[in-house]
Structures are given as structure tokens and as C-alpha cells.
């Protein structure tokens, strides 16, 4: 863990999972109303059209844009510019370069986002990888050369039942 400050601690899997859930909830809260407006009130219940997008569980190009492309672009920008997504900020976590401990480069953030897709594909096995990894890094962290650390400056936000 060269390059990391003594205060930077590797993040626990549960906090990372909660941050991912918070980000997913935020993206859903923004995209779902738009998708219902675009595809109509039956968006959640109607059968999907046939074709390549339907095979991926999508209703059409706007569904792909709002549920895959845009979230991955926003996540990539958040990692590269801020070091964290809203969910990671909420839980006091930060994505850093594994060697230097500094902010990830745009290339690393983009690789990490592509790795997110790979990590999710086989039943989220790439995310679960962090449980067995000696450094607690998930598949996408290994691919991008990043790690997630607890960020002391962000820890003023406390989870219920976790101290004062």
C-alpha cells in the first residue's frame, strides 16, 4: 500500500456495498421518472420489444442511454474529478490510485467503469472478489489499478448506530 497516507484505511466490503446501493438508488430516482415519461406509464410492466436491446432487458435506445451509458459516464467523471460517487461521499469512501494513493486518472476511472460492468455480469462475482482479495480490492479495482479507502475528512457523516 505504498503511497497511501497512514490515515487512509482500506474500506470494508459492507460500506462499499452500501455506497453502491446508494448510487443505484440515486440513479433510479432520476432515471425511472424520465423513462416512464418517455415510454409511457406501462414502462415497468409492458413486454419489451424484440431485438438486441430487448435481449439485454432494455426497452430501447433511450433506456440504454439513461440506465447504462449516462450512469457509467457520471460515475467515471465522479471518480476522476472528485474521487468518489455520491454514495461513496455519503459513506466516507474514496477511490484512489493503488500505487500513489492520489486521485485516479481519467483512464483509470474509465477502466474501473468498464470493470464495473464485468464485475456485475457473473452474478456480481467481481464485486464479491473483494471479500477474498488480501487487499480488499474488487475485480474492477484490480483492472484499473485503484483501491477504495476510508476518507477521514468525509467521516463526519455517521451511519445510524455507529458512534456519535
N, C-alpha and C. Protein backbone atom coordinates (compact mmCIF):
# COMPACT_ATOMS: atom_id res chain seq x y z
N UNK A 1 0.83 -1.19 0.00
CA UNK A 1 0.00 0.00 0.00
C UNK A 1 0.87 1.25 0.00
N UNK A 2 1.91 1.20 -0.80
CA UNK A 2 2.79 2.36 -0.88
C UNK A 2 2.02 3.58 -1.38
N UNK A 3 2.41 4.74 -0.91
CA UNK A 3 1.79 5.97 -1.37
C UNK A 3 0.56 6.39 -0.60
N UNK A 4 -0.01 5.50 0.18
CA UNK A 4 -1.19 5.84 0.96
C UNK A 4 -0.76 6.46 2.28
N UNK A 5 -1.48 7.47 2.71
CA UNK A 5 -1.17 8.09 3.99
C UNK A 5 -1.57 7.14 5.11
N UNK A 6 -0.98 7.28 6.28
CA UNK A 6 -1.35 6.40 7.40
C UNK A 6 -2.84 6.50 7.73
N UNK A 7 -3.44 7.66 7.48
CA UNK A 7 -4.85 7.84 7.80
C UNK A 7 -5.76 7.11 6.82
N UNK A 8 -5.26 6.81 5.62
CA UNK A 8 -6.08 6.15 4.61
C UNK A 8 -6.16 4.66 4.94
N UNK A 9 -7.33 4.21 5.24
CA UNK A 9 -7.56 2.80 5.58
C UNK A 9 -8.37 2.16 4.47
N UNK A 10 -8.05 0.89 4.18
CA UNK A 10 -8.84 0.18 3.19
C UNK A 10 -10.27 0.07 3.67
N UNK A 11 -11.17 0.28 2.75
CA UNK A 11 -12.58 0.26 3.09
C UNK A 11 -13.10 -1.16 3.27
N UNK A 12 -14.07 -1.31 4.14
CA UNK A 12 -14.72 -2.61 4.34
C UNK A 12 -15.75 -2.85 3.24
N UNK A 13 -15.95 -4.12 2.93
CA UNK A 13 -16.85 -4.53 1.86
C UNK A 13 -18.27 -4.00 2.09
N UNK A 14 -18.77 -4.10 3.31
CA UNK A 14 -20.16 -3.68 3.59
C UNK A 14 -20.37 -2.20 3.29
N UNK A 15 -19.41 -1.36 3.63
CA UNK A 15 -19.55 0.08 3.35
C UNK A 15 -19.54 0.33 1.85
N UNK A 16 -18.70 -0.42 1.14
CA UNK A 16 -18.66 -0.27 -0.31
C UNK A 16 -19.99 -0.71 -0.93
N UNK A 17 -20.54 -1.79 -0.43
CA UNK A 17 -21.83 -2.29 -0.94
C UNK A 17 -22.95 -1.28 -0.68
N UNK A 18 -22.94 -0.67 0.51
CA UNK A 18 -23.94 0.36 0.81
C UNK A 18 -23.78 1.58 -0.10
N UNK A 19 -22.55 1.95 -0.40
CA UNK A 19 -22.31 3.08 -1.30
C UNK A 19 -22.84 2.77 -2.70
N UNK A 20 -22.60 1.55 -3.16
CA UNK A 20 -23.11 1.13 -4.47
C UNK A 20 -24.64 1.16 -4.48
N UNK A 21 -25.26 0.67 -3.41
CA UNK A 21 -26.72 0.69 -3.32
C UNK A 21 -27.25 2.13 -3.31
N UNK A 22 -26.57 3.02 -2.60
CA UNK A 22 -26.99 4.43 -2.56
C UNK A 22 -26.91 5.05 -3.95
N UNK A 23 -25.82 4.77 -4.68
CA UNK A 23 -25.68 5.29 -6.04
C UNK A 23 -26.77 4.72 -6.96
N UNK A 24 -27.03 3.43 -6.84
CA UNK A 24 -28.07 2.81 -7.67
C UNK A 24 -29.43 3.43 -7.37
N UNK A 25 -29.71 3.67 -6.10
CA UNK A 25 -30.97 4.31 -5.72
C UNK A 25 -31.09 5.71 -6.28
N UNK A 26 -30.01 6.46 -6.25
CA UNK A 26 -30.00 7.82 -6.79
C UNK A 26 -30.24 7.80 -8.30
N UNK A 27 -29.53 6.94 -9.02
CA UNK A 27 -29.71 6.86 -10.47
C UNK A 27 -31.13 6.40 -10.81
N UNK A 28 -31.68 5.48 -10.04
CA UNK A 28 -33.04 5.02 -10.29
C UNK A 28 -34.04 6.14 -10.04
N UNK A 29 -33.83 6.89 -8.97
CA UNK A 29 -34.74 8.01 -8.65
C UNK A 29 -34.75 9.06 -9.76
N UNK A 30 -33.63 9.23 -10.44
CA UNK A 30 -33.56 10.22 -11.53
C UNK A 30 -34.06 9.62 -12.84
N UNK A 31 -33.62 8.41 -13.17
CA UNK A 31 -33.93 7.86 -14.49
C UNK A 31 -35.33 7.26 -14.61
N UNK A 32 -35.85 6.66 -13.56
CA UNK A 32 -37.15 5.99 -13.67
C UNK A 32 -38.28 6.93 -14.07
N UNK A 33 -38.42 8.09 -13.45
CA UNK A 33 -39.49 9.00 -13.89
C UNK A 33 -39.32 9.42 -15.36
N UNK A 34 -38.07 9.65 -15.78
CA UNK A 34 -37.83 10.01 -17.18
C UNK A 34 -38.22 8.87 -18.12
N UNK A 35 -37.89 7.66 -17.74
CA UNK A 35 -38.22 6.51 -18.57
C UNK A 35 -39.73 6.29 -18.66
N UNK A 36 -40.42 6.52 -17.56
CA UNK A 36 -41.88 6.40 -17.57
C UNK A 36 -42.48 7.48 -18.47
N UNK A 37 -41.92 8.69 -18.42
CA UNK A 37 -42.39 9.75 -19.31
C UNK A 37 -42.12 9.41 -20.78
N UNK A 38 -40.96 8.84 -21.06
CA UNK A 38 -40.58 8.54 -22.44
C UNK A 38 -41.30 7.32 -23.01
N UNK A 39 -41.46 6.27 -22.21
CA UNK A 39 -42.03 5.02 -22.70
C UNK A 39 -43.48 4.81 -22.28
N UNK A 40 -43.99 5.70 -21.46
CA UNK A 40 -45.37 5.59 -21.03
C UNK A 40 -45.51 4.96 -19.67
N UNK A 41 -46.71 5.05 -19.08
CA UNK A 41 -46.92 4.56 -17.72
C UNK A 41 -46.76 3.05 -17.57
N UNK A 42 -46.83 2.32 -18.65
CA UNK A 42 -46.65 0.87 -18.56
C UNK A 42 -45.21 0.43 -18.68
N UNK A 43 -44.27 1.35 -18.57
CA UNK A 43 -42.84 1.04 -18.75
C UNK A 43 -42.40 -0.18 -17.93
N UNK A 44 -42.79 -0.24 -16.68
CA UNK A 44 -42.32 -1.32 -15.82
C UNK A 44 -43.02 -2.64 -16.09
N UNK A 45 -44.23 -2.59 -16.65
CA UNK A 45 -44.97 -3.83 -16.80
C UNK A 45 -45.11 -4.34 -18.21
N UNK A 46 -44.88 -3.50 -19.19
CA UNK A 46 -45.13 -3.95 -20.56
C UNK A 46 -44.01 -4.83 -21.07
N UNK A 47 -44.36 -5.72 -22.01
CA UNK A 47 -43.31 -6.57 -22.60
C UNK A 47 -42.31 -5.73 -23.38
N UNK A 48 -41.09 -6.15 -23.36
CA UNK A 48 -40.04 -5.45 -24.08
C UNK A 48 -40.11 -5.82 -25.57
N UNK A 49 -39.74 -4.88 -26.41
CA UNK A 49 -39.70 -5.20 -27.84
C UNK A 49 -38.59 -6.21 -28.13
N UNK A 50 -38.64 -6.84 -29.28
CA UNK A 50 -37.62 -7.82 -29.62
C UNK A 50 -36.38 -7.12 -30.15
N UNK A 51 -35.28 -7.83 -30.21
CA UNK A 51 -34.03 -7.27 -30.72
C UNK A 51 -32.92 -7.35 -29.70
N UNK A 52 -31.78 -6.79 -30.09
CA UNK A 52 -30.58 -6.87 -29.24
C UNK A 52 -30.77 -6.16 -27.91
N UNK A 53 -31.41 -4.98 -27.92
CA UNK A 53 -31.62 -4.25 -26.67
C UNK A 53 -32.58 -5.02 -25.76
N UNK A 54 -33.60 -5.63 -26.36
CA UNK A 54 -34.55 -6.41 -25.56
C UNK A 54 -33.86 -7.60 -24.90
N UNK A 55 -32.91 -8.20 -25.60
CA UNK A 55 -32.17 -9.32 -25.04
C UNK A 55 -31.38 -8.89 -23.80
N UNK A 56 -31.02 -7.61 -23.77
CA UNK A 56 -30.30 -7.07 -22.61
C UNK A 56 -31.26 -6.53 -21.56
N UNK A 57 -32.57 -6.69 -21.77
CA UNK A 57 -33.56 -6.23 -20.81
C UNK A 57 -33.91 -4.75 -20.94
N UNK A 58 -33.63 -4.17 -22.10
CA UNK A 58 -33.87 -2.75 -22.30
C UNK A 58 -35.02 -2.53 -23.28
N UNK A 59 -35.74 -1.43 -23.10
CA UNK A 59 -36.87 -1.10 -23.95
C UNK A 59 -36.48 -0.43 -25.25
N UNK A 60 -35.36 0.24 -25.29
CA UNK A 60 -34.94 0.95 -26.49
C UNK A 60 -33.70 1.76 -26.24
N UNK A 61 -33.29 2.56 -27.23
CA UNK A 61 -32.06 3.34 -27.12
C UNK A 61 -32.05 4.32 -25.95
N UNK A 62 -33.17 4.95 -25.66
CA UNK A 62 -33.21 5.90 -24.54
C UNK A 62 -33.07 5.17 -23.20
N UNK A 63 -33.61 3.97 -23.13
CA UNK A 63 -33.45 3.14 -21.93
C UNK A 63 -31.97 2.82 -21.74
N UNK A 64 -31.30 2.42 -22.80
CA UNK A 64 -29.85 2.14 -22.75
C UNK A 64 -29.08 3.39 -22.31
N UNK A 65 -29.42 4.52 -22.88
CA UNK A 65 -28.75 5.78 -22.55
C UNK A 65 -28.93 6.15 -21.07
N UNK A 66 -30.17 6.07 -20.58
CA UNK A 66 -30.46 6.53 -19.21
C UNK A 66 -30.12 5.53 -18.12
N UNK A 67 -30.03 4.25 -18.46
CA UNK A 67 -29.77 3.25 -17.41
C UNK A 67 -28.38 2.65 -17.46
N UNK A 68 -27.66 2.86 -18.56
CA UNK A 68 -26.31 2.28 -18.66
C UNK A 68 -25.27 3.34 -19.01
N UNK A 69 -25.43 3.97 -20.16
CA UNK A 69 -24.40 4.88 -20.67
C UNK A 69 -24.23 6.10 -19.76
N UNK A 70 -25.30 6.80 -19.48
CA UNK A 70 -25.22 8.01 -18.66
C UNK A 70 -24.71 7.72 -17.24
N UNK A 71 -25.25 6.70 -16.55
CA UNK A 71 -24.70 6.41 -15.22
C UNK A 71 -23.20 6.08 -15.24
N UNK A 72 -22.76 5.30 -16.22
CA UNK A 72 -21.33 4.97 -16.29
C UNK A 72 -20.49 6.22 -16.57
N UNK A 73 -20.99 7.12 -17.40
CA UNK A 73 -20.27 8.37 -17.68
C UNK A 73 -20.20 9.24 -16.43
N UNK A 74 -21.29 9.35 -15.70
CA UNK A 74 -21.32 10.17 -14.48
C UNK A 74 -20.40 9.56 -13.42
N UNK A 75 -20.46 8.25 -13.26
CA UNK A 75 -19.61 7.57 -12.28
C UNK A 75 -18.13 7.78 -12.62
N UNK A 76 -17.79 7.62 -13.90
CA UNK A 76 -16.41 7.82 -14.34
C UNK A 76 -15.94 9.24 -14.02
N UNK A 77 -16.77 10.22 -14.34
CA UNK A 77 -16.42 11.62 -14.06
C UNK A 77 -16.28 11.87 -12.56
N UNK A 78 -17.17 11.29 -11.77
CA UNK A 78 -17.09 11.47 -10.31
C UNK A 78 -15.79 10.90 -9.76
N UNK A 79 -15.40 9.72 -10.21
CA UNK A 79 -14.14 9.13 -9.74
C UNK A 79 -12.94 9.96 -10.15
N UNK A 80 -12.93 10.38 -11.44
CA UNK A 80 -11.77 11.10 -11.95
C UNK A 80 -11.66 12.52 -11.38
N UNK A 81 -12.78 13.20 -11.20
CA UNK A 81 -12.75 14.60 -10.75
C UNK A 81 -12.81 14.74 -9.23
N UNK A 82 -13.59 13.87 -8.58
CA UNK A 82 -13.84 14.02 -7.14
C UNK A 82 -13.29 12.88 -6.29
N UNK A 83 -13.00 11.75 -6.92
CA UNK A 83 -12.52 10.59 -6.18
C UNK A 83 -13.64 9.75 -5.59
N UNK A 84 -14.88 10.16 -5.78
CA UNK A 84 -16.00 9.43 -5.18
C UNK A 84 -17.31 9.76 -5.87
N UNK A 85 -18.20 8.80 -5.85
CA UNK A 85 -19.57 9.00 -6.29
C UNK A 85 -20.36 9.55 -5.10
N UNK A 86 -21.60 10.00 -5.31
CA UNK A 86 -22.39 10.47 -4.16
C UNK A 86 -22.50 9.43 -3.05
N UNK A 87 -22.69 8.16 -3.40
CA UNK A 87 -22.78 7.11 -2.38
C UNK A 87 -21.50 6.95 -1.59
N UNK A 88 -20.37 7.03 -2.27
CA UNK A 88 -19.09 6.92 -1.57
C UNK A 88 -18.86 8.14 -0.67
N UNK A 89 -19.22 9.34 -1.15
CA UNK A 89 -19.13 10.52 -0.30
C UNK A 89 -19.96 10.34 0.96
N UNK A 90 -21.18 9.86 0.78
CA UNK A 90 -22.10 9.67 1.90
C UNK A 90 -21.50 8.76 2.96
N UNK A 91 -20.76 7.75 2.53
CA UNK A 91 -20.21 6.78 3.47
C UNK A 91 -18.73 7.02 3.79
N UNK A 92 -18.19 8.16 3.36
CA UNK A 92 -16.80 8.50 3.70
C UNK A 92 -15.77 7.63 3.01
N UNK A 93 -16.03 7.29 1.75
CA UNK A 93 -15.11 6.45 0.98
C UNK A 93 -14.55 7.22 -0.20
N UNK A 94 -13.37 6.81 -0.66
CA UNK A 94 -12.75 7.47 -1.79
C UNK A 94 -12.01 6.45 -2.65
N UNK A 95 -12.09 6.64 -3.97
CA UNK A 95 -11.34 5.82 -4.92
C UNK A 95 -10.01 6.50 -5.17
N UNK A 96 -8.92 5.75 -5.03
CA UNK A 96 -7.59 6.30 -5.22
C UNK A 96 -6.77 5.38 -6.11
N UNK A 97 -5.69 5.93 -6.67
CA UNK A 97 -4.71 5.13 -7.39
C UNK A 97 -4.05 4.19 -6.40
N UNK A 98 -3.96 2.91 -6.75
CA UNK A 98 -3.45 1.92 -5.81
C UNK A 98 -1.98 2.13 -5.45
N UNK A 99 -1.20 2.69 -6.36
CA UNK A 99 0.23 2.87 -6.09
C UNK A 99 0.53 4.16 -5.35
N UNK A 100 -0.04 5.27 -5.83
CA UNK A 100 0.31 6.57 -5.27
C UNK A 100 -0.61 7.02 -4.14
N UNK A 101 -1.84 6.50 -4.12
CA UNK A 101 -2.82 6.97 -3.14
C UNK A 101 -3.47 8.27 -3.57
N UNK A 102 -3.08 8.77 -4.73
CA UNK A 102 -3.66 10.01 -5.25
C UNK A 102 -4.92 9.74 -6.05
N UNK A 103 -5.48 10.79 -6.61
CA UNK A 103 -6.71 10.63 -7.39
C UNK A 103 -6.47 9.74 -8.61
N UNK A 104 -7.47 8.96 -9.00
CA UNK A 104 -7.31 8.14 -10.20
C UNK A 104 -7.31 9.03 -11.45
N UNK A 105 -6.54 8.63 -12.43
CA UNK A 105 -6.52 9.34 -13.71
C UNK A 105 -7.82 9.01 -14.47
N UNK A 106 -8.13 9.84 -15.48
CA UNK A 106 -9.33 9.59 -16.28
C UNK A 106 -9.31 8.18 -16.87
N UNK A 107 -8.14 7.75 -17.35
CA UNK A 107 -8.02 6.41 -17.94
C UNK A 107 -8.37 5.34 -16.90
N UNK A 108 -7.86 5.51 -15.68
CA UNK A 108 -8.16 4.56 -14.62
C UNK A 108 -9.65 4.55 -14.30
N UNK A 109 -10.24 5.74 -14.23
CA UNK A 109 -11.67 5.83 -13.93
C UNK A 109 -12.49 5.15 -15.02
N UNK A 110 -12.11 5.34 -16.28
CA UNK A 110 -12.82 4.69 -17.38
C UNK A 110 -12.64 3.17 -17.34
N UNK A 111 -11.43 2.72 -17.04
CA UNK A 111 -11.19 1.27 -16.90
C UNK A 111 -11.99 0.69 -15.74
N UNK A 112 -12.06 1.44 -14.66
CA UNK A 112 -12.82 0.99 -13.50
C UNK A 112 -14.30 0.88 -13.83
N UNK A 113 -14.82 1.83 -14.61
CA UNK A 113 -16.23 1.78 -15.02
C UNK A 113 -16.49 0.57 -15.91
N UNK A 114 -15.59 0.31 -16.86
CA UNK A 114 -15.73 -0.88 -17.70
C UNK A 114 -15.65 -2.14 -16.84
N UNK A 115 -14.76 -2.09 -15.85
CA UNK A 115 -14.63 -3.21 -14.93
C UNK A 115 -15.87 -3.42 -14.08
N UNK A 116 -16.60 -2.34 -13.78
CA UNK A 116 -17.87 -2.46 -13.05
C UNK A 116 -18.83 -3.36 -13.82
N UNK A 117 -18.87 -3.15 -15.14
CA UNK A 117 -19.75 -3.97 -15.97
C UNK A 117 -19.32 -5.42 -15.90
N UNK A 118 -18.02 -5.67 -16.04
CA UNK A 118 -17.51 -7.04 -15.95
C UNK A 118 -17.75 -7.63 -14.56
N UNK A 119 -17.58 -6.84 -13.54
CA UNK A 119 -17.79 -7.31 -12.17
C UNK A 119 -19.24 -7.71 -11.91
N UNK A 120 -20.16 -7.02 -12.57
CA UNK A 120 -21.59 -7.29 -12.36
C UNK A 120 -22.10 -8.49 -13.14
N UNK A 121 -21.48 -8.76 -14.29
CA UNK A 121 -22.02 -9.78 -15.19
C UNK A 121 -22.19 -11.16 -14.56
N UNK A 122 -21.19 -11.74 -13.99
CA UNK A 122 -21.41 -13.08 -13.44
C UNK A 122 -21.93 -13.02 -12.00
N UNK A 123 -23.18 -12.60 -11.85
CA UNK A 123 -23.83 -12.54 -10.53
C UNK A 123 -23.04 -11.72 -9.51
N UNK A 124 -22.47 -10.62 -9.95
CA UNK A 124 -21.71 -9.70 -9.11
C UNK A 124 -20.47 -10.34 -8.49
N UNK A 125 -19.96 -11.39 -9.15
CA UNK A 125 -18.78 -12.10 -8.64
C UNK A 125 -17.56 -11.18 -8.55
N UNK A 126 -17.45 -10.24 -9.48
CA UNK A 126 -16.31 -9.32 -9.45
C UNK A 126 -16.33 -8.39 -8.25
N UNK A 127 -17.53 -8.06 -7.76
CA UNK A 127 -17.65 -7.26 -6.54
C UNK A 127 -17.32 -8.13 -5.33
N UNK A 128 -17.81 -9.37 -5.35
CA UNK A 128 -17.57 -10.30 -4.24
C UNK A 128 -16.09 -10.67 -4.12
N UNK A 129 -15.36 -10.53 -5.21
CA UNK A 129 -13.92 -10.78 -5.24
C UNK A 129 -13.24 -10.05 -4.08
N UNK A 130 -13.73 -8.87 -3.74
CA UNK A 130 -13.12 -8.06 -2.67
C UNK A 130 -13.12 -8.79 -1.33
N UNK A 131 -14.07 -9.70 -1.14
CA UNK A 131 -14.13 -10.44 0.12
C UNK A 131 -12.95 -11.41 0.26
N UNK A 132 -12.45 -11.92 -0.87
CA UNK A 132 -11.36 -12.89 -0.84
C UNK A 132 -10.00 -12.25 -1.12
N UNK A 133 -9.99 -11.05 -1.68
CA UNK A 133 -8.76 -10.39 -2.04
C UNK A 133 -8.03 -9.94 -0.77
N UNK A 134 -6.74 -10.19 -0.70
CA UNK A 134 -5.99 -9.85 0.52
C UNK A 134 -5.95 -8.36 0.80
N UNK A 135 -6.14 -7.53 -0.23
CA UNK A 135 -6.18 -6.09 -0.06
C UNK A 135 -7.60 -5.53 -0.11
N UNK A 136 -8.59 -6.42 -0.21
CA UNK A 136 -9.98 -5.98 -0.25
C UNK A 136 -10.37 -5.28 -1.54
N UNK A 137 -9.62 -5.52 -2.61
CA UNK A 137 -9.89 -4.88 -3.90
C UNK A 137 -10.78 -5.78 -4.75
N UNK A 138 -11.77 -5.17 -5.39
CA UNK A 138 -12.66 -5.90 -6.28
C UNK A 138 -12.00 -6.05 -7.65
N UNK A 139 -12.62 -6.84 -8.53
CA UNK A 139 -12.08 -7.06 -9.87
C UNK A 139 -11.84 -5.74 -10.59
N UNK A 140 -12.80 -4.82 -10.54
CA UNK A 140 -12.65 -3.55 -11.24
C UNK A 140 -11.51 -2.71 -10.65
N UNK A 141 -11.23 -2.85 -9.36
CA UNK A 141 -10.08 -2.16 -8.76
C UNK A 141 -8.78 -2.74 -9.31
N UNK A 142 -8.71 -4.05 -9.40
CA UNK A 142 -7.51 -4.70 -9.92
C UNK A 142 -7.28 -4.31 -11.38
N UNK A 143 -8.34 -4.31 -12.19
CA UNK A 143 -8.22 -3.96 -13.61
C UNK A 143 -7.74 -2.53 -13.81
N UNK A 144 -8.21 -1.62 -12.96
CA UNK A 144 -7.90 -0.20 -13.13
C UNK A 144 -6.71 0.28 -12.30
N UNK A 145 -6.20 -0.56 -11.42
CA UNK A 145 -5.11 -0.11 -10.55
C UNK A 145 -5.57 0.87 -9.50
N UNK A 146 -6.78 0.65 -8.97
CA UNK A 146 -7.34 1.53 -7.94
C UNK A 146 -7.63 0.74 -6.67
N UNK A 147 -7.98 1.47 -5.65
CA UNK A 147 -8.48 0.87 -4.41
C UNK A 147 -9.43 1.86 -3.78
N UNK A 148 -10.26 1.37 -2.87
CA UNK A 148 -11.20 2.24 -2.14
C UNK A 148 -10.72 2.31 -0.71
N UNK A 149 -10.61 3.54 -0.21
CA UNK A 149 -10.14 3.76 1.15
C UNK A 149 -11.17 4.56 1.93
N UNK A 150 -11.11 4.43 3.24
CA UNK A 150 -11.91 5.29 4.11
C UNK A 150 -11.25 6.66 4.09
N UNK A 151 -12.05 7.67 3.91
CA UNK A 151 -11.53 9.05 3.84
C UNK A 151 -11.92 9.77 5.12
N UNK A 152 -10.97 9.99 6.03
CA UNK A 152 -11.29 10.58 7.34
C UNK A 152 -12.05 11.90 7.27
N UNK A 153 -11.73 12.74 6.26
CA UNK A 153 -12.42 14.04 6.18
C UNK A 153 -13.90 13.89 5.87
N UNK A 154 -14.28 12.76 5.28
CA UNK A 154 -15.68 12.56 4.93
C UNK A 154 -16.45 11.83 6.01
N UNK A 155 -15.76 11.41 7.07
CA UNK A 155 -16.40 10.58 8.08
C UNK A 155 -17.26 11.35 9.08
N UNK A 156 -17.50 12.62 8.83
CA UNK A 156 -18.39 13.36 9.73
C UNK A 156 -19.82 12.86 9.58
N UNK A 157 -20.11 12.17 8.51
CA UNK A 157 -21.44 11.56 8.33
C UNK A 157 -21.40 10.18 9.00
N UNK A 158 -22.26 9.97 9.94
CA UNK A 158 -22.28 8.71 10.68
C UNK A 158 -23.48 7.86 10.28
N UNK A 159 -23.25 6.56 10.17
CA UNK A 159 -24.34 5.63 9.96
C UNK A 159 -25.10 5.46 11.27
N UNK A 160 -26.41 5.25 11.22
CA UNK A 160 -27.17 5.05 12.46
C UNK A 160 -26.58 3.89 13.26
N UNK A 161 -26.38 4.13 14.55
CA UNK A 161 -25.85 3.09 15.44
C UNK A 161 -24.35 2.91 15.36
N UNK A 162 -23.62 3.82 14.69
CA UNK A 162 -22.17 3.68 14.56
C UNK A 162 -21.46 4.87 15.19
N UNK A 163 -21.65 5.08 16.42
CA UNK A 163 -20.92 6.12 17.14
C UNK A 163 -21.64 7.46 17.10
N UNK A 164 -20.93 8.45 17.64
CA UNK A 164 -21.51 9.79 17.70
C UNK A 164 -20.87 10.72 16.72
